[in-house]
Amino acid sequence: LHVAPFGTFVHSTLAAPFDKAKLT
């Protein structure tokens, strides 16, 4: 039971003034 090869996708959402981020 493992993370599949290349199995993560980390992307972020920011809004001006870019002082907060949400990572999915």
PDBML (XML) file of the C-alpha atoms, coordinates in Angstrom:
<?xml version="1.0" encoding="UTF-8" ?>
<PDBx:datablock datablockName="MODEL"
   xmlns:PDBx="http://pdbml.pdb.org/schema/pdbx-v50.xsd"
   xmlns:xsi="http://www.w3.org/2001/XMLSchema-instance"
   xsi:schemaLocation="http://pdbml.pdb.org/schema/pdbx-v50.xsd pdbx-v50.xsd">
   <PDBx:atom_siteCategory>
      <PDBx:atom_site id="1">
         <PDBx:B_iso_or_equiv>0.00</PDBx:B_iso_or_equiv>
         <PDBx:Cartn_x>0.000</PDBx:Cartn_x>
         <PDBx:Cartn_y>0.000</PDBx:Cartn_y>
         <PDBx:Cartn_z>0.000</PDBx:Cartn_z>
         <PDBx:auth_asym_id>A</PDBx:auth_asym_id>
         <PDBx:auth_atom_id>CA</PDBx:auth_atom_id>
         <PDBx:auth_comp_id>LEU</PDBx:auth_comp_id>
         <PDBx:auth_seq_id>1</PDBx:auth_seq_id>
         <PDBx:group_PDB>ATOM</PDBx:group_PDB>
         <PDBx:label_alt_id xsi:nil="true" />
         <PDBx:label_asym_id>A</PDBx:label_asym_id>
         <PDBx:label_atom_id>CA</PDBx:label_atom_id>
         <PDBx:label_comp_id>LEU</PDBx:label_comp_id>
         <PDBx:label_entity_id>1</PDBx:label_entity_id>
         <PDBx:label_seq_id>1</PDBx:label_seq_id>
         <PDBx:occupancy>1.00</PDBx:occupancy>
         <PDBx:pdbx_PDB_model_num>1</PDBx:pdbx_PDB_model_num>
         <PDBx:type_symbol>C</PDBx:type_symbol>
      </PDBx:atom_site>
      <PDBx:atom_site id="2">
         <PDBx:B_iso_or_equiv>0.00</PDBx:B_iso_or_equiv>
         <PDBx:Cartn_x>1.841</PDBx:Cartn_x>
         <PDBx:Cartn_y>3.082</PDBx:Cartn_y>
         <PDBx:Cartn_z>-1.220</PDBx:Cartn_z>
         <PDBx:auth_asym_id>A</PDBx:auth_asym_id>
         <PDBx:auth_atom_id>CA</PDBx:auth_atom_id>
         <PDBx:auth_comp_id>HIS</PDBx:auth_comp_id>
         <PDBx:auth_seq_id>2</PDBx:auth_seq_id>
         <PDBx:group_PDB>ATOM</PDBx:group_PDB>
         <PDBx:label_alt_id xsi:nil="true" />
         <PDBx:label_asym_id>A</PDBx:label_asym_id>
         <PDBx:label_atom_id>CA</PDBx:label_atom_id>
         <PDBx:label_comp_id>HIS</PDBx:label_comp_id>
         <PDBx:label_entity_id>1</PDBx:label_entity_id>
         <PDBx:label_seq_id>2</PDBx:label_seq_id>
         <PDBx:occupancy>1.00</PDBx:occupancy>
         <PDBx:pdbx_PDB_model_num>1</PDBx:pdbx_PDB_model_num>
         <PDBx:type_symbol>C</PDBx:type_symbol>
      </PDBx:atom_site>
      <PDBx:atom_site id="3">
         <PDBx:B_iso_or_equiv>0.00</PDBx:B_iso_or_equiv>
         <PDBx:Cartn_x>1.714</PDBx:Cartn_x>
         <PDBx:Cartn_y>6.371</PDBx:Cartn_y>
         <PDBx:Cartn_z>-3.066</PDBx:Cartn_z>
         <PDBx:auth_asym_id>A</PDBx:auth_asym_id>
         <PDBx:auth_atom_id>CA</PDBx:auth_atom_id>
         <PDBx:auth_comp_id>VAL</PDBx:auth_comp_id>
         <PDBx:auth_seq_id>3</PDBx:auth_seq_id>
         <PDBx:group_PDB>ATOM</PDBx:group_PDB>
         <PDBx:label_alt_id xsi:nil="true" />
         <PDBx:label_asym_id>A</PDBx:label_asym_id>
         <PDBx:label_atom_id>CA</PDBx:label_atom_id>
         <PDBx:label_comp_id>VAL</PDBx:label_comp_id>
         <PDBx:label_entity_id>1</PDBx:label_entity_id>
         <PDBx:label_seq_id>3</PDBx:label_seq_id>
         <PDBx:occupancy>1.00</PDBx:occupancy>
         <PDBx:pdbx_PDB_model_num>1</PDBx:pdbx_PDB_model_num>
         <PDBx:type_symbol>C</PDBx:type_symbol>
      </PDBx:atom_site>
      <PDBx:atom_site id="4">
         <PDBx:B_iso_or_equiv>0.00</PDBx:B_iso_or_equiv>
         <PDBx:Cartn_x>1.677</PDBx:Cartn_x>
         <PDBx:Cartn_y>5.503</PDBx:Cartn_y>
         <PDBx:Cartn_z>-6.759</PDBx:Cartn_z>
         <PDBx:auth_asym_id>A</PDBx:auth_asym_id>
         <PDBx:auth_atom_id>CA</PDBx:auth_atom_id>
         <PDBx:auth_comp_id>ALA</PDBx:auth_comp_id>
         <PDBx:auth_seq_id>4</PDBx:auth_seq_id>
         <PDBx:group_PDB>ATOM</PDBx:group_PDB>
         <PDBx:label_alt_id xsi:nil="true" />
         <PDBx:label_asym_id>A</PDBx:label_asym_id>
         <PDBx:label_atom_id>CA</PDBx:label_atom_id>
         <PDBx:label_comp_id>ALA</PDBx:label_comp_id>
         <PDBx:label_entity_id>1</PDBx:label_entity_id>
         <PDBx:label_seq_id>4</PDBx:label_seq_id>
         <PDBx:occupancy>1.00</PDBx:occupancy>
         <PDBx:pdbx_PDB_model_num>1</PDBx:pdbx_PDB_model_num>
         <PDBx:type_symbol>C</PDBx:type_symbol>
      </PDBx:atom_site>
      <PDBx:atom_site id="5">
         <PDBx:B_iso_or_equiv>0.00</PDBx:B_iso_or_equiv>
         <PDBx:Cartn_x>4.603</PDBx:Cartn_x>
         <PDBx:Cartn_y>6.600</PDBx:Cartn_y>
         <PDBx:Cartn_z>-8.959</PDBx:Cartn_z>
         <PDBx:auth_asym_id>A</PDBx:auth_asym_id>
         <PDBx:auth_atom_id>CA</PDBx:auth_atom_id>
         <PDBx:auth_comp_id>PRO</PDBx:auth_comp_id>
         <PDBx:auth_seq_id>5</PDBx:auth_seq_id>
         <PDBx:group_PDB>ATOM</PDBx:group_PDB>
         <PDBx:label_alt_id xsi:nil="true" />
         <PDBx:label_asym_id>A</PDBx:label_asym_id>
         <PDBx:label_atom_id>CA</PDBx:label_atom_id>
         <PDBx:label_comp_id>PRO</PDBx:label_comp_id>
         <PDBx:label_entity_id>1</PDBx:label_entity_id>
         <PDBx:label_seq_id>5</PDBx:label_seq_id>
         <PDBx:occupancy>1.00</PDBx:occupancy>
         <PDBx:pdbx_PDB_model_num>1</PDBx:pdbx_PDB_model_num>
         <PDBx:type_symbol>C</PDBx:type_symbol>
      </PDBx:atom_site>
      <PDBx:atom_site id="6">
         <PDBx:B_iso_or_equiv>0.00</PDBx:B_iso_or_equiv>
         <PDBx:Cartn_x>4.242</PDBx:Cartn_x>
         <PDBx:Cartn_y>10.362</PDBx:Cartn_y>
         <PDBx:Cartn_z>-9.542</PDBx:Cartn_z>
         <PDBx:auth_asym_id>A</PDBx:auth_asym_id>
         <PDBx:auth_atom_id>CA</PDBx:auth_atom_id>
         <PDBx:auth_comp_id>PHE</PDBx:auth_comp_id>
         <PDBx:auth_seq_id>6</PDBx:auth_seq_id>
         <PDBx:group_PDB>ATOM</PDBx:group_PDB>
         <PDBx:label_alt_id xsi:nil="true" />
         <PDBx:label_asym_id>A</PDBx:label_asym_id>
         <PDBx:label_atom_id>CA</PDBx:label_atom_id>
         <PDBx:label_comp_id>PHE</PDBx:label_comp_id>
         <PDBx:label_entity_id>1</PDBx:label_entity_id>
         <PDBx:label_seq_id>6</PDBx:label_seq_id>
         <PDBx:occupancy>1.00</PDBx:occupancy>
         <PDBx:pdbx_PDB_model_num>1</PDBx:pdbx_PDB_model_num>
         <PDBx:type_symbol>C</PDBx:type_symbol>
      </PDBx:atom_site>
      <PDBx:atom_site id="7">
         <PDBx:B_iso_or_equiv>0.00</PDBx:B_iso_or_equiv>
         <PDBx:Cartn_x>1.107</PDBx:Cartn_x>
         <PDBx:Cartn_y>10.025</PDBx:Cartn_y>
         <PDBx:Cartn_z>-7.440</PDBx:Cartn_z>
         <PDBx:auth_asym_id>A</PDBx:auth_asym_id>
         <PDBx:auth_atom_id>CA</PDBx:auth_atom_id>
         <PDBx:auth_comp_id>GLY</PDBx:auth_comp_id>
         <PDBx:auth_seq_id>7</PDBx:auth_seq_id>
         <PDBx:group_PDB>ATOM</PDBx:group_PDB>
         <PDBx:label_alt_id xsi:nil="true" />
         <PDBx:label_asym_id>A</PDBx:label_asym_id>
         <PDBx:label_atom_id>CA</PDBx:label_atom_id>
         <PDBx:label_comp_id>GLY</PDBx:label_comp_id>
         <PDBx:label_entity_id>1</PDBx:label_entity_id>
         <PDBx:label_seq_id>7</PDBx:label_seq_id>
         <PDBx:occupancy>1.00</PDBx:occupancy>
         <PDBx:pdbx_PDB_model_num>1</PDBx:pdbx_PDB_model_num>
         <PDBx:type_symbol>C</PDBx:type_symbol>
      </PDBx:atom_site>
      <PDBx:atom_site id="8">
         <PDBx:B_iso_or_equiv>0.00</PDBx:B_iso_or_equiv>
         <PDBx:Cartn_x>0.969</PDBx:Cartn_x>
         <PDBx:Cartn_y>13.449</PDBx:Cartn_y>
         <PDBx:Cartn_z>-5.780</PDBx:Cartn_z>
         <PDBx:auth_asym_id>A</PDBx:auth_asym_id>
         <PDBx:auth_atom_id>CA</PDBx:auth_atom_id>
         <PDBx:auth_comp_id>THR</PDBx:auth_comp_id>
         <PDBx:auth_seq_id>8</PDBx:auth_seq_id>
         <PDBx:group_PDB>ATOM</PDBx:group_PDB>
         <PDBx:label_alt_id xsi:nil="true" />
         <PDBx:label_asym_id>A</PDBx:label_asym_id>
         <PDBx:label_atom_id>CA</PDBx:label_atom_id>
         <PDBx:label_comp_id>THR</PDBx:label_comp_id>
         <PDBx:label_entity_id>1</PDBx:label_entity_id>
         <PDBx:label_seq_id>8</PDBx:label_seq_id>
         <PDBx:occupancy>1.00</PDBx:occupancy>
         <PDBx:pdbx_PDB_model_num>1</PDBx:pdbx_PDB_model_num>
         <PDBx:type_symbol>C</PDBx:type_symbol>
      </PDBx:atom_site>
      <PDBx:atom_site id="9">
         <PDBx:B_iso_or_equiv>0.00</PDBx:B_iso_or_equiv>
         <PDBx:Cartn_x>-0.231</PDBx:Cartn_x>
         <PDBx:Cartn_y>16.716</PDBx:Cartn_y>
         <PDBx:Cartn_z>-7.276</PDBx:Cartn_z>
         <PDBx:auth_asym_id>A</PDBx:auth_asym_id>
         <PDBx:auth_atom_id>CA</PDBx:auth_atom_id>
         <PDBx:auth_comp_id>PHE</PDBx:auth_comp_id>
         <PDBx:auth_seq_id>9</PDBx:auth_seq_id>
         <PDBx:group_PDB>ATOM</PDBx:group_PDB>
         <PDBx:label_alt_id xsi:nil="true" />
         <PDBx:label_asym_id>A</PDBx:label_asym_id>
         <PDBx:label_atom_id>CA</PDBx:label_atom_id>
         <PDBx:label_comp_id>PHE</PDBx:label_comp_id>
         <PDBx:label_entity_id>1</PDBx:label_entity_id>
         <PDBx:label_seq_id>9</PDBx:label_seq_id>
         <PDBx:occupancy>1.00</PDBx:occupancy>
         <PDBx:pdbx_PDB_model_num>1</PDBx:pdbx_PDB_model_num>
         <PDBx:type_symbol>C</PDBx:type_symbol>
      </PDBx:atom_site>
      <PDBx:atom_site id="10">
         <PDBx:B_iso_or_equiv>0.00</PDBx:B_iso_or_equiv>
         <PDBx:Cartn_x>0.330</PDBx:Cartn_x>
         <PDBx:Cartn_y>19.759</PDBx:Cartn_y>
         <PDBx:Cartn_z>-5.042</PDBx:Cartn_z>
         <PDBx:auth_asym_id>A</PDBx:auth_asym_id>
         <PDBx:auth_atom_id>CA</PDBx:auth_atom_id>
         <PDBx:auth_comp_id>VAL</PDBx:auth_comp_id>
         <PDBx:auth_seq_id>10</PDBx:auth_seq_id>
         <PDBx:group_PDB>ATOM</PDBx:group_PDB>
         <PDBx:label_alt_id xsi:nil="true" />
         <PDBx:label_asym_id>A</PDBx:label_asym_id>
         <PDBx:label_atom_id>CA</PDBx:label_atom_id>
         <PDBx:label_comp_id>VAL</PDBx:label_comp_id>
         <PDBx:label_entity_id>1</PDBx:label_entity_id>
         <PDBx:label_seq_id>10</PDBx:label_seq_id>
         <PDBx:occupancy>1.00</PDBx:occupancy>
         <PDBx:pdbx_PDB_model_num>1</PDBx:pdbx_PDB_model_num>
         <PDBx:type_symbol>C</PDBx:type_symbol>
      </PDBx:atom_site>
      <PDBx:atom_site id="11">
         <PDBx:B_iso_or_equiv>0.00</PDBx:B_iso_or_equiv>
         <PDBx:Cartn_x>-1.029</PDBx:Cartn_x>
         <PDBx:Cartn_y>23.054</PDBx:Cartn_y>
         <PDBx:Cartn_z>-6.322</PDBx:Cartn_z>
         <PDBx:auth_asym_id>A</PDBx:auth_asym_id>
         <PDBx:auth_atom_id>CA</PDBx:auth_atom_id>
         <PDBx:auth_comp_id>HIS</PDBx:auth_comp_id>
         <PDBx:auth_seq_id>11</PDBx:auth_seq_id>
         <PDBx:group_PDB>ATOM</PDBx:group_PDB>
         <PDBx:label_alt_id xsi:nil="true" />
         <PDBx:label_asym_id>A</PDBx:label_asym_id>
         <PDBx:label_atom_id>CA</PDBx:label_atom_id>
         <PDBx:label_comp_id>HIS</PDBx:label_comp_id>
         <PDBx:label_entity_id>1</PDBx:label_entity_id>
         <PDBx:label_seq_id>11</PDBx:label_seq_id>
         <PDBx:occupancy>1.00</PDBx:occupancy>
         <PDBx:pdbx_PDB_model_num>1</PDBx:pdbx_PDB_model_num>
         <PDBx:type_symbol>C</PDBx:type_symbol>
      </PDBx:atom_site>
      <PDBx:atom_site id="12">
         <PDBx:B_iso_or_equiv>0.00</PDBx:B_iso_or_equiv>
         <PDBx:Cartn_x>-1.802</PDBx:Cartn_x>
         <PDBx:Cartn_y>26.352</PDBx:Cartn_y>
         <PDBx:Cartn_z>-4.655</PDBx:Cartn_z>
         <PDBx:auth_asym_id>A</PDBx:auth_asym_id>
         <PDBx:auth_atom_id>CA</PDBx:auth_atom_id>
         <PDBx:auth_comp_id>SER</PDBx:auth_comp_id>
         <PDBx:auth_seq_id>12</PDBx:auth_seq_id>
         <PDBx:group_PDB>ATOM</PDBx:group_PDB>
         <PDBx:label_alt_id xsi:nil="true" />
         <PDBx:label_asym_id>A</PDBx:label_asym_id>
         <PDBx:label_atom_id>CA</PDBx:label_atom_id>
         <PDBx:label_comp_id>SER</PDBx:label_comp_id>
         <PDBx:label_entity_id>1</PDBx:label_entity_id>
         <PDBx:label_seq_id>12</PDBx:label_seq_id>
         <PDBx:occupancy>1.00</PDBx:occupancy>
         <PDBx:pdbx_PDB_model_num>1</PDBx:pdbx_PDB_model_num>
         <PDBx:type_symbol>C</PDBx:type_symbol>
      </PDBx:atom_site>
      <PDBx:atom_site id="13">
         <PDBx:B_iso_or_equiv>0.00</PDBx:B_iso_or_equiv>
         <PDBx:Cartn_x>-4.452</PDBx:Cartn_x>
         <PDBx:Cartn_y>29.059</PDBx:Cartn_y>
         <PDBx:Cartn_z>-4.919</PDBx:Cartn_z>
         <PDBx:auth_asym_id>A</PDBx:auth_asym_id>
         <PDBx:auth_atom_id>CA</PDBx:auth_atom_id>
         <PDBx:auth_comp_id>THR</PDBx:auth_comp_id>
         <PDBx:auth_seq_id>13</PDBx:auth_seq_id>
         <PDBx:group_PDB>ATOM</PDBx:group_PDB>
         <PDBx:label_alt_id xsi:nil="true" />
         <PDBx:label_asym_id>A</PDBx:label_asym_id>
         <PDBx:label_atom_id>CA</PDBx:label_atom_id>
         <PDBx:label_comp_id>THR</PDBx:label_comp_id>
         <PDBx:label_entity_id>1</PDBx:label_entity_id>
         <PDBx:label_seq_id>13</PDBx:label_seq_id>
         <PDBx:occupancy>1.00</PDBx:occupancy>
         <PDBx:pdbx_PDB_model_num>1</PDBx:pdbx_PDB_model_num>
         <PDBx:type_symbol>C</PDBx:type_symbol>
      </PDBx:atom_site>
      <PDBx:atom_site id="14">
         <PDBx:B_iso_or_equiv>0.00</PDBx:B_iso_or_equiv>
         <PDBx:Cartn_x>-3.596</PDBx:Cartn_x>
         <PDBx:Cartn_y>32.665</PDBx:Cartn_y>
         <PDBx:Cartn_z>-4.055</PDBx:Cartn_z>
         <PDBx:auth_asym_id>A</PDBx:auth_asym_id>
         <PDBx:auth_atom_id>CA</PDBx:auth_atom_id>
         <PDBx:auth_comp_id>LEU</PDBx:auth_comp_id>
         <PDBx:auth_seq_id>14</PDBx:auth_seq_id>
         <PDBx:group_PDB>ATOM</PDBx:group_PDB>
         <PDBx:label_alt_id xsi:nil="true" />
         <PDBx:label_asym_id>A</PDBx:label_asym_id>
         <PDBx:label_atom_id>CA</PDBx:label_atom_id>
         <PDBx:label_comp_id>LEU</PDBx:label_comp_id>
         <PDBx:label_entity_id>1</PDBx:label_entity_id>
         <PDBx:label_seq_id>14</PDBx:label_seq_id>
         <PDBx:occupancy>1.00</PDBx:occupancy>
         <PDBx:pdbx_PDB_model_num>1</PDBx:pdbx_PDB_model_num>
         <PDBx:type_symbol>C</PDBx:type_symbol>
      </PDBx:atom_site>
      <PDBx:atom_site id="15">
         <PDBx:B_iso_or_equiv>0.00</PDBx:B_iso_or_equiv>
         <PDBx:Cartn_x>-5.406</PDBx:Cartn_x>
         <PDBx:Cartn_y>35.965</PDBx:Cartn_y>
         <PDBx:Cartn_z>-4.269</PDBx:Cartn_z>
         <PDBx:auth_asym_id>A</PDBx:auth_asym_id>
         <PDBx:auth_atom_id>CA</PDBx:auth_atom_id>
         <PDBx:auth_comp_id>ALA</PDBx:auth_comp_id>
         <PDBx:auth_seq_id>15</PDBx:auth_seq_id>
         <PDBx:group_PDB>ATOM</PDBx:group_PDB>
         <PDBx:label_alt_id xsi:nil="true" />
         <PDBx:label_asym_id>A</PDBx:label_asym_id>
         <PDBx:label_atom_id>CA</PDBx:label_atom_id>
         <PDBx:label_comp_id>ALA</PDBx:label_comp_id>
         <PDBx:label_entity_id>1</PDBx:label_entity_id>
         <PDBx:label_seq_id>15</PDBx:label_seq_id>
         <PDBx:occupancy>1.00</PDBx:occupancy>
         <PDBx:pdbx_PDB_model_num>1</PDBx:pdbx_PDB_model_num>
         <PDBx:type_symbol>C</PDBx:type_symbol>
      </PDBx:atom_site>
      <PDBx:atom_site id="16">
         <PDBx:B_iso_or_equiv>0.00</PDBx:B_iso_or_equiv>
         <PDBx:Cartn_x>-3.997</PDBx:Cartn_x>
         <PDBx:Cartn_y>39.497</PDBx:Cartn_y>
         <PDBx:Cartn_z>-4.079</PDBx:Cartn_z>
         <PDBx:auth_asym_id>A</PDBx:auth_asym_id>
         <PDBx:auth_atom_id>CA</PDBx:auth_atom_id>
         <PDBx:auth_comp_id>ALA</PDBx:auth_comp_id>
         <PDBx:auth_seq_id>16</PDBx:auth_seq_id>
         <PDBx:group_PDB>ATOM</PDBx:group_PDB>
         <PDBx:label_alt_id xsi:nil="true" />
         <PDBx:label_asym_id>A</PDBx:label_asym_id>
         <PDBx:label_atom_id>CA</PDBx:label_atom_id>
         <PDBx:label_comp_id>ALA</PDBx:label_comp_id>
         <PDBx:label_entity_id>1</PDBx:label_entity_id>
         <PDBx:label_seq_id>16</PDBx:label_seq_id>
         <PDBx:occupancy>1.00</PDBx:occupancy>
         <PDBx:pdbx_PDB_model_num>1</PDBx:pdbx_PDB_model_num>
         <PDBx:type_symbol>C</PDBx:type_symbol>
      </PDBx:atom_site>
      <PDBx:atom_site id="17">
         <PDBx:B_iso_or_equiv>0.00</PDBx:B_iso_or_equiv>
         <PDBx:Cartn_x>-2.185</PDBx:Cartn_x>
         <PDBx:Cartn_y>40.624</PDBx:Cartn_y>
         <PDBx:Cartn_z>-1.998</PDBx:Cartn_z>
         <PDBx:auth_asym_id>A</PDBx:auth_asym_id>
         <PDBx:auth_atom_id>CA</PDBx:auth_atom_id>
         <PDBx:auth_comp_id>PRO</PDBx:auth_comp_id>
         <PDBx:auth_seq_id>17</PDBx:auth_seq_id>
         <PDBx:group_PDB>ATOM</PDBx:group_PDB>
         <PDBx:label_alt_id xsi:nil="true" />
         <PDBx:label_asym_id>A</PDBx:label_asym_id>
         <PDBx:label_atom_id>CA</PDBx:label_atom_id>
         <PDBx:label_comp_id>PRO</PDBx:label_comp_id>
         <PDBx:label_entity_id>1</PDBx:label_entity_id>
         <PDBx:label_seq_id>17</PDBx:label_seq_id>
         <PDBx:occupancy>1.00</PDBx:occupancy>
         <PDBx:pdbx_PDB_model_num>1</PDBx:pdbx_PDB_model_num>
         <PDBx:type_symbol>C</PDBx:type_symbol>
      </PDBx:atom_site>
      <PDBx:atom_site id="18">
         <PDBx:B_iso_or_equiv>0.00</PDBx:B_iso_or_equiv>
         <PDBx:Cartn_x>-0.871</PDBx:Cartn_x>
         <PDBx:Cartn_y>37.016</PDBx:Cartn_y>
         <PDBx:Cartn_z>-2.031</PDBx:Cartn_z>
         <PDBx:auth_asym_id>A</PDBx:auth_asym_id>
         <PDBx:auth_atom_id>CA</PDBx:auth_atom_id>
         <PDBx:auth_comp_id>PHE</PDBx:auth_comp_id>
         <PDBx:auth_seq_id>18</PDBx:auth_seq_id>
         <PDBx:group_PDB>ATOM</PDBx:group_PDB>
         <PDBx:label_alt_id xsi:nil="true" />
         <PDBx:label_asym_id>A</PDBx:label_asym_id>
         <PDBx:label_atom_id>CA</PDBx:label_atom_id>
         <PDBx:label_comp_id>PHE</PDBx:label_comp_id>
         <PDBx:label_entity_id>1</PDBx:label_entity_id>
         <PDBx:label_seq_id>18</PDBx:label_seq_id>
         <PDBx:occupancy>1.00</PDBx:occupancy>
         <PDBx:pdbx_PDB_model_num>1</PDBx:pdbx_PDB_model_num>
         <PDBx:type_symbol>C</PDBx:type_symbol>
      </PDBx:atom_site>
      <PDBx:atom_site id="19">
         <PDBx:B_iso_or_equiv>0.00</PDBx:B_iso_or_equiv>
         <PDBx:Cartn_x>-0.441</PDBx:Cartn_x>
         <PDBx:Cartn_y>36.795</PDBx:Cartn_y>
         <PDBx:Cartn_z>1.741</PDBx:Cartn_z>
         <PDBx:auth_asym_id>A</PDBx:auth_asym_id>
         <PDBx:auth_atom_id>CA</PDBx:auth_atom_id>
         <PDBx:auth_comp_id>ASP</PDBx:auth_comp_id>
         <PDBx:auth_seq_id>19</PDBx:auth_seq_id>
         <PDBx:group_PDB>ATOM</PDBx:group_PDB>
         <PDBx:label_alt_id xsi:nil="true" />
         <PDBx:label_asym_id>A</PDBx:label_asym_id>
         <PDBx:label_atom_id>CA</PDBx:label_atom_id>
         <PDBx:label_comp_id>ASP</PDBx:label_comp_id>
         <PDBx:label_entity_id>1</PDBx:label_entity_id>
         <PDBx:label_seq_id>19</PDBx:label_seq_id>
         <PDBx:occupancy>1.00</PDBx:occupancy>
         <PDBx:pdbx_PDB_model_num>1</PDBx:pdbx_PDB_model_num>
         <PDBx:type_symbol>C</PDBx:type_symbol>
      </PDBx:atom_site>
      <PDBx:atom_site id="20">
         <PDBx:B_iso_or_equiv>0.00</PDBx:B_iso_or_equiv>
         <PDBx:Cartn_x>-2.585</PDBx:Cartn_x>
         <PDBx:Cartn_y>33.670</PDBx:Cartn_y>
         <PDBx:Cartn_z>2.074</PDBx:Cartn_z>
         <PDBx:auth_asym_id>A</PDBx:auth_asym_id>
         <PDBx:auth_atom_id>CA</PDBx:auth_atom_id>
         <PDBx:auth_comp_id>LYS</PDBx:auth_comp_id>
         <PDBx:auth_seq_id>20</PDBx:auth_seq_id>
         <PDBx:group_PDB>ATOM</PDBx:group_PDB>
         <PDBx:label_alt_id xsi:nil="true" />
         <PDBx:label_asym_id>A</PDBx:label_asym_id>
         <PDBx:label_atom_id>CA</PDBx:label_atom_id>
         <PDBx:label_comp_id>LYS</PDBx:label_comp_id>
         <PDBx:label_entity_id>1</PDBx:label_entity_id>
         <PDBx:label_seq_id>20</PDBx:label_seq_id>
         <PDBx:occupancy>1.00</PDBx:occupancy>
         <PDBx:pdbx_PDB_model_num>1</PDBx:pdbx_PDB_model_num>
         <PDBx:type_symbol>C</PDBx:type_symbol>
      </PDBx:atom_site>
      <PDBx:atom_site id="21">
         <PDBx:B_iso_or_equiv>0.00</PDBx:B_iso_or_equiv>
         <PDBx:Cartn_x>-2.361</PDBx:Cartn_x>
         <PDBx:Cartn_y>30.400</PDBx:Cartn_y>
         <PDBx:Cartn_z>0.182</PDBx:Cartn_z>
         <PDBx:auth_asym_id>A</PDBx:auth_asym_id>
         <PDBx:auth_atom_id>CA</PDBx:auth_atom_id>
         <PDBx:auth_comp_id>ALA</PDBx:auth_comp_id>
         <PDBx:auth_seq_id>21</PDBx:auth_seq_id>
         <PDBx:group_PDB>ATOM</PDBx:group_PDB>
         <PDBx:label_alt_id xsi:nil="true" />
         <PDBx:label_asym_id>A</PDBx:label_asym_id>
         <PDBx:label_atom_id>CA</PDBx:label_atom_id>
         <PDBx:label_comp_id>ALA</PDBx:label_comp_id>
         <PDBx:label_entity_id>1</PDBx:label_entity_id>
         <PDBx:label_seq_id>21</PDBx:label_seq_id>
         <PDBx:occupancy>1.00</PDBx:occupancy>
         <PDBx:pdbx_PDB_model_num>1</PDBx:pdbx_PDB_model_num>
         <PDBx:type_symbol>C</PDBx:type_symbol>
      </PDBx:atom_site>
      <PDBx:atom_site id="22">
         <PDBx:B_iso_or_equiv>0.00</PDBx:B_iso_or_equiv>
         <PDBx:Cartn_x>-4.497</PDBx:Cartn_x>
         <PDBx:Cartn_y>27.293</PDBx:Cartn_y>
         <PDBx:Cartn_z>-0.005</PDBx:Cartn_z>
         <PDBx:auth_asym_id>A</PDBx:auth_asym_id>
         <PDBx:auth_atom_id>CA</PDBx:auth_atom_id>
         <PDBx:auth_comp_id>LYS</PDBx:auth_comp_id>
         <PDBx:auth_seq_id>22</PDBx:auth_seq_id>
         <PDBx:group_PDB>ATOM</PDBx:group_PDB>
         <PDBx:label_alt_id xsi:nil="true" />
         <PDBx:label_asym_id>A</PDBx:label_asym_id>
         <PDBx:label_atom_id>CA</PDBx:label_atom_id>
         <PDBx:label_comp_id>LYS</PDBx:label_comp_id>
         <PDBx:label_entity_id>1</PDBx:label_entity_id>
         <PDBx:label_seq_id>22</PDBx:label_seq_id>
         <PDBx:occupancy>1.00</PDBx:occupancy>
         <PDBx:pdbx_PDB_model_num>1</PDBx:pdbx_PDB_model_num>
         <PDBx:type_symbol>C</PDBx:type_symbol>
      </PDBx:atom_site>
      <PDBx:atom_site id="23">
         <PDBx:B_iso_or_equiv>0.00</PDBx:B_iso_or_equiv>
         <PDBx:Cartn_x>-2.610</PDBx:Cartn_x>
         <PDBx:Cartn_y>24.153</PDBx:Cartn_y>
         <PDBx:Cartn_z>-0.996</PDBx:Cartn_z>
         <PDBx:auth_asym_id>A</PDBx:auth_asym_id>
         <PDBx:auth_atom_id>CA</PDBx:auth_atom_id>
         <PDBx:auth_comp_id>LEU</PDBx:auth_comp_id>
         <PDBx:auth_seq_id>23</PDBx:auth_seq_id>
         <PDBx:group_PDB>ATOM</PDBx:group_PDB>
         <PDBx:label_alt_id xsi:nil="true" />
         <PDBx:label_asym_id>A</PDBx:label_asym_id>
         <PDBx:label_atom_id>CA</PDBx:label_atom_id>
         <PDBx:label_comp_id>LEU</PDBx:label_comp_id>
         <PDBx:label_entity_id>1</PDBx:label_entity_id>
         <PDBx:label_seq_id>23</PDBx:label_seq_id>
         <PDBx:occupancy>1.00</PDBx:occupancy>
         <PDBx:pdbx_PDB_model_num>1</PDBx:pdbx_PDB_model_num>
         <PDBx:type_symbol>C</PDBx:type_symbol>
      </PDBx:atom_site>
      <PDBx:atom_site id="24">
         <PDBx:B_iso_or_equiv>0.00</PDBx:B_iso_or_equiv>
         <PDBx:Cartn_x>-4.608</PDBx:Cartn_x>
         <PDBx:Cartn_y>21.356</PDBx:Cartn_y>
         <PDBx:Cartn_z>-2.564</PDBx:Cartn_z>
         <PDBx:auth_asym_id>A</PDBx:auth_asym_id>
         <PDBx:auth_atom_id>CA</PDBx:auth_atom_id>
         <PDBx:auth_comp_id>THR</PDBx:auth_comp_id>
         <PDBx:auth_seq_id>24</PDBx:auth_seq_id>
         <PDBx:group_PDB>ATOM</PDBx:group_PDB>
         <PDBx:label_alt_id xsi:nil="true" />
         <PDBx:label_asym_id>A</PDBx:label_asym_id>
         <PDBx:label_atom_id>CA</PDBx:label_atom_id>
         <PDBx:label_comp_id>THR</PDBx:label_comp_id>
         <PDBx:label_entity_id>1</PDBx:label_entity_id>
         <PDBx:label_seq_id>24</PDBx:label_seq_id>
         <PDBx:occupancy>1.00</PDBx:occupancy>
         <PDBx:pdbx_PDB_model_num>1</PDBx:pdbx_PDB_model_num>
         <PDBx:type_symbol>C</PDBx:type_symbol>
      </PDBx:atom_site>
   </PDBx:atom_siteCategory>
</PDBx:datablock>
